[in-house]
Amino acid sequence: MSAELQKVDVFQAIADPTRREVLQLLSQKNQSIAELSSHFEVSRTAVVKHLNVLTEAGLVRGDKNGREKIYHLQPEPLKELKDWLAYYEKFWYNKLTKLKYAVENDSLNK
């Protein structure tokens, strides 16, 4: 493996519920590690590991502010996820519309 960090896929990054909650918290306001850690029952070290994964995926950015690091949400990589889900949303909408039509017509014929 090269010295350069391997970029984490957005899908991998959001697979963990703790990381999804971190993203939600950061969508409300920028926060330090201490602030974020206060929302979880896991150790501060565990929260830092989650932040590292989110950083590698490009979903958050940490900026030094004195002795603290303040984390910011970077939602742009979520567009890839949104686009992928949009395809399947259309797929399921079409399937459910066909099912509804079949059920309604079947009940009319009885």
C-alpha atoms as a PDB file:
ATOM      1  CA  MET A   1       0.000   0.000   0.000  1.00  0.00           C
ATOM      2  CA  SER A   2       1.354   3.447  -0.837  1.00  0.00           C
ATOM      3  CA  ALA A   3       2.141   6.078   1.772  1.00  0.00           C
ATOM      4  CA  GLU A   4      -0.892   7.972   0.543  1.00  0.00           C
ATOM      5  CA  LEU A   5      -4.146   7.195   2.355  1.00  0.00           C
ATOM      6  CA  GLN A   6      -6.561   5.070   0.406  1.00  0.00           C
ATOM      7  CA  LYS A   7      -9.744   7.046  -0.170  1.00  0.00           C
ATOM      8  CA  VAL A   8     -12.791   5.553   1.559  1.00  0.00           C
ATOM      9  CA  ASP A   9     -15.916   5.092  -0.526  1.00  0.00           C
ATOM     10  CA  VAL A  10     -18.890   7.259   0.505  1.00  0.00           C
ATOM     11  CA  PHE A  11     -21.068   4.156   0.750  1.00  0.00           C
ATOM     12  CA  GLN A  12     -18.595   2.536   3.160  1.00  0.00           C
ATOM     13  CA  ALA A  13     -18.374   5.710   5.197  1.00  0.00           C
ATOM     14  CA  ILE A  14     -22.118   6.013   5.767  1.00  0.00           C
ATOM     15  CA  ALA A  15     -22.626   2.294   6.379  1.00  0.00           C
ATOM     16  CA  ASP A  16     -22.009   2.776  10.101  1.00  0.00           C
ATOM     17  CA  PRO A  17     -24.862   4.283  12.181  1.00  0.00           C
ATOM     18  CA  THR A  18     -22.446   6.221  14.384  1.00  0.00           C
ATOM     19  CA  ARG A  19     -20.921   7.907  11.335  1.00  0.00           C
ATOM     20  CA  ARG A  20     -24.383   8.747  10.008  1.00  0.00           C
ATOM     21  CA  GLU A  21     -25.193  10.364  13.351  1.00  0.00           C
ATOM     22  CA  VAL A  22     -21.931  12.324  13.249  1.00  0.00           C
ATOM     23  CA  LEU A  23     -22.942  13.648   9.810  1.00  0.00           C
ATOM     24  CA  GLN A  24     -26.344  14.621  11.149  1.00  0.00           C
ATOM     25  CA  LEU A  25     -24.778  16.456  14.099  1.00  0.00           C
ATOM     26  CA  LEU A  26     -22.369  18.298  11.798  1.00  0.00           C
ATOM     27  CA  SER A  27     -25.234  19.277   9.508  1.00  0.00           C
ATOM     28  CA  GLN A  28     -26.621  21.295  12.427  1.00  0.00           C
ATOM     29  CA  LYS A  29     -23.366  23.037  13.389  1.00  0.00           C
ATOM     30  CA  ASN A  30     -19.586  22.714  13.214  1.00  0.00           C
ATOM     31  CA  GLN A  31     -18.256  20.906  16.266  1.00  0.00           C
ATOM     32  CA  SER A  32     -15.051  19.945  18.019  1.00  0.00           C
ATOM     33  CA  ILE A  33     -14.132  16.363  18.839  1.00  0.00           C
ATOM     34  CA  ALA A  34     -15.108  16.993  22.463  1.00  0.00           C
ATOM     35  CA  GLU A  35     -18.554  18.275  21.443  1.00  0.00           C
ATOM     36  CA  LEU A  36     -19.145  15.358  19.099  1.00  0.00           C
ATOM     37  CA  SER A  37     -17.929  12.811  21.660  1.00  0.00           C
ATOM     38  CA  SER A  38     -20.456  14.065  24.201  1.00  0.00           C
ATOM     39  CA  HIS A  39     -23.275  12.679  22.028  1.00  0.00           C
ATOM     40  CA  PHE A  40     -21.993   9.092  22.096  1.00  0.00           C
ATOM     41  CA  GLU A  41     -21.378   6.381  24.651  1.00  0.00           C
ATOM     42  CA  VAL A  42     -18.209   5.285  22.859  1.00  0.00           C
ATOM     43  CA  SER A  43     -14.748   6.614  23.688  1.00  0.00           C
ATOM     44  CA  ARG A  44     -13.351   9.807  22.246  1.00  0.00           C
ATOM     45  CA  THR A  45     -10.785   7.643  20.420  1.00  0.00           C
ATOM     46  CA  ALA A  46     -13.617   5.742  18.725  1.00  0.00           C
ATOM     47  CA  VAL A  47     -15.235   9.020  17.630  1.00  0.00           C
ATOM     48  CA  VAL A  48     -11.872  10.156  16.210  1.00  0.00           C
ATOM     49  CA  LYS A  49     -11.634   6.915  14.216  1.00  0.00           C
ATOM     50  CA  HIS A  50     -15.115   7.549  12.794  1.00  0.00           C
ATOM     51  CA  LEU A  51     -14.110  11.122  11.933  1.00  0.00           C
ATOM     52  CA  ASN A  52     -11.018   9.799  10.149  1.00  0.00           C
ATOM     53  CA  VAL A  53     -13.158   7.523   7.969  1.00  0.00           C
ATOM     54  CA  LEU A  54     -15.528  10.396   7.179  1.00  0.00           C
ATOM     55  CA  THR A  55     -12.550  12.644   6.388  1.00  0.00           C
ATOM     56  CA  GLU A  56     -11.030  10.045   4.044  1.00  0.00           C
ATOM     57  CA  ALA A  57     -14.386   9.845   2.241  1.00  0.00           C
ATOM     58  CA  GLY A  58     -14.392  13.631   1.857  1.00  0.00           C
ATOM     59  CA  LEU A  59     -17.572  14.019   3.927  1.00  0.00           C
ATOM     60  CA  VAL A  60     -16.041  16.084   6.727  1.00  0.00           C
ATOM     61  CA  ARG A  61     -13.110  18.441   7.102  1.00  0.00           C
ATOM     62  CA  GLY A  62     -11.286  19.220  10.311  1.00  0.00           C
ATOM     63  CA  ASP A  63      -9.681  22.631  10.738  1.00  0.00           C
ATOM     64  CA  LYS A  64      -7.288  23.491  13.559  1.00  0.00           C
ATOM     65  CA  ASN A  65      -8.594  26.281  15.779  1.00  0.00           C
ATOM     66  CA  GLY A  66      -5.963  26.803  18.464  1.00  0.00           C
ATOM     67  CA  ARG A  67      -5.627  23.513  20.325  1.00  0.00           C
ATOM     68  CA  GLU A  68      -8.951  22.191  19.017  1.00  0.00           C
ATOM     69  CA  LYS A  69      -9.917  20.720  15.710  1.00  0.00           C
ATOM     70  CA  ILE A  70     -13.324  21.866  14.484  1.00  0.00           C
ATOM     71  CA  TYR A  71     -15.119  19.540  12.088  1.00  0.00           C
ATOM     72  CA  HIS A  72     -17.329  20.753   9.232  1.00  0.00           C
ATOM     73  CA  LEU A  73     -19.732  18.792   7.038  1.00  0.00           C
ATOM     74  CA  GLN A  74     -18.810  18.624   3.358  1.00  0.00           C
ATOM     75  CA  PRO A  75     -21.999  17.266   1.756  1.00  0.00           C
ATOM     76  CA  GLU A  76     -20.842  17.293  -1.883  1.00  0.00           C
ATOM     77  CA  PRO A  77     -19.787  13.598  -1.950  1.00  0.00           C
ATOM     78  CA  LEU A  78     -23.340  12.668  -0.870  1.00  0.00           C
ATOM     79  CA  LYS A  79     -24.525  13.656  -4.362  1.00  0.00           C
ATOM     80  CA  GLU A  80     -23.100  10.354  -5.637  1.00  0.00           C
ATOM     81  CA  LEU A  81     -25.291   8.545  -3.131  1.00  0.00           C
ATOM     82  CA  LYS A  82     -28.323  10.690  -3.993  1.00  0.00           C
ATOM     83  CA  ASP A  83     -27.905   9.965  -7.710  1.00  0.00           C
ATOM     84  CA  TRP A  84     -27.568   6.231  -7.084  1.00  0.00           C
ATOM     85  CA  LEU A  85     -30.657   6.163  -4.863  1.00  0.00           C
ATOM     86  CA  ALA A  86     -32.660   8.219  -7.386  1.00  0.00           C
ATOM     87  CA  TYR A  87     -32.325   5.425  -9.935  1.00  0.00           C
ATOM     88  CA  TYR A  88     -33.708   2.855  -7.512  1.00  0.00           C
ATOM     89  CA  GLU A  89     -36.429   5.219  -6.336  1.00  0.00           C
ATOM     90  CA  LYS A  90     -37.735   5.341  -9.923  1.00  0.00           C
ATOM     91  CA  PHE A  91     -37.394   1.562 -10.162  1.00  0.00           C
ATOM     92  CA  TRP A  92     -39.448   0.949  -6.988  1.00  0.00           C
ATOM     93  CA  TYR A  93     -42.004   3.624  -7.861  1.00  0.00           C
ATOM     94  CA  ASN A  94     -42.663   1.883 -11.192  1.00  0.00           C
ATOM     95  CA  LYS A  95     -42.895  -1.550  -9.560  1.00  0.00           C
ATOM     96  CA  LEU A  96     -45.258  -0.320  -6.827  1.00  0.00           C
ATOM     97  CA  THR A  97     -47.435   1.510  -9.360  1.00  0.00           C
ATOM     98  CA  LYS A  98     -47.789  -1.711 -11.371  1.00  0.00           C
ATOM     99  CA  LEU A  99     -48.586  -3.671  -8.208  1.00  0.00           C
ATOM    100  CA  LYS A 100     -51.228  -1.133  -7.166  1.00  0.00           C
ATOM    101  CA  TYR A 101     -52.803  -1.312 -10.631  1.00  0.00           C
ATOM    102  CA  ALA A 102     -52.840  -5.133 -10.532  1.00  0.00           C
ATOM    103  CA  VAL A 103     -54.367  -5.248  -7.040  1.00  0.00           C
ATOM    104  CA  GLU A 104     -57.019  -2.646  -7.833  1.00  0.00           C
ATOM    105  CA  ASN A 105     -58.022  -4.356 -11.076  1.00  0.00           C
ATOM    106  CA  ASP A 106     -58.069  -7.756  -9.400  1.00  0.00           C
ATOM    107  CA  SER A 107     -60.405  -6.497  -6.650  1.00  0.00           C
ATOM    108  CA  LEU A 108     -62.708  -4.927  -9.262  1.00  0.00           C
ATOM    109  CA  ASN A 109     -63.022  -8.266 -11.093  1.00  0.00           C
ATOM    110  CA  LYS A 110     -64.252 -10.106  -7.969  1.00  0.00           C
END
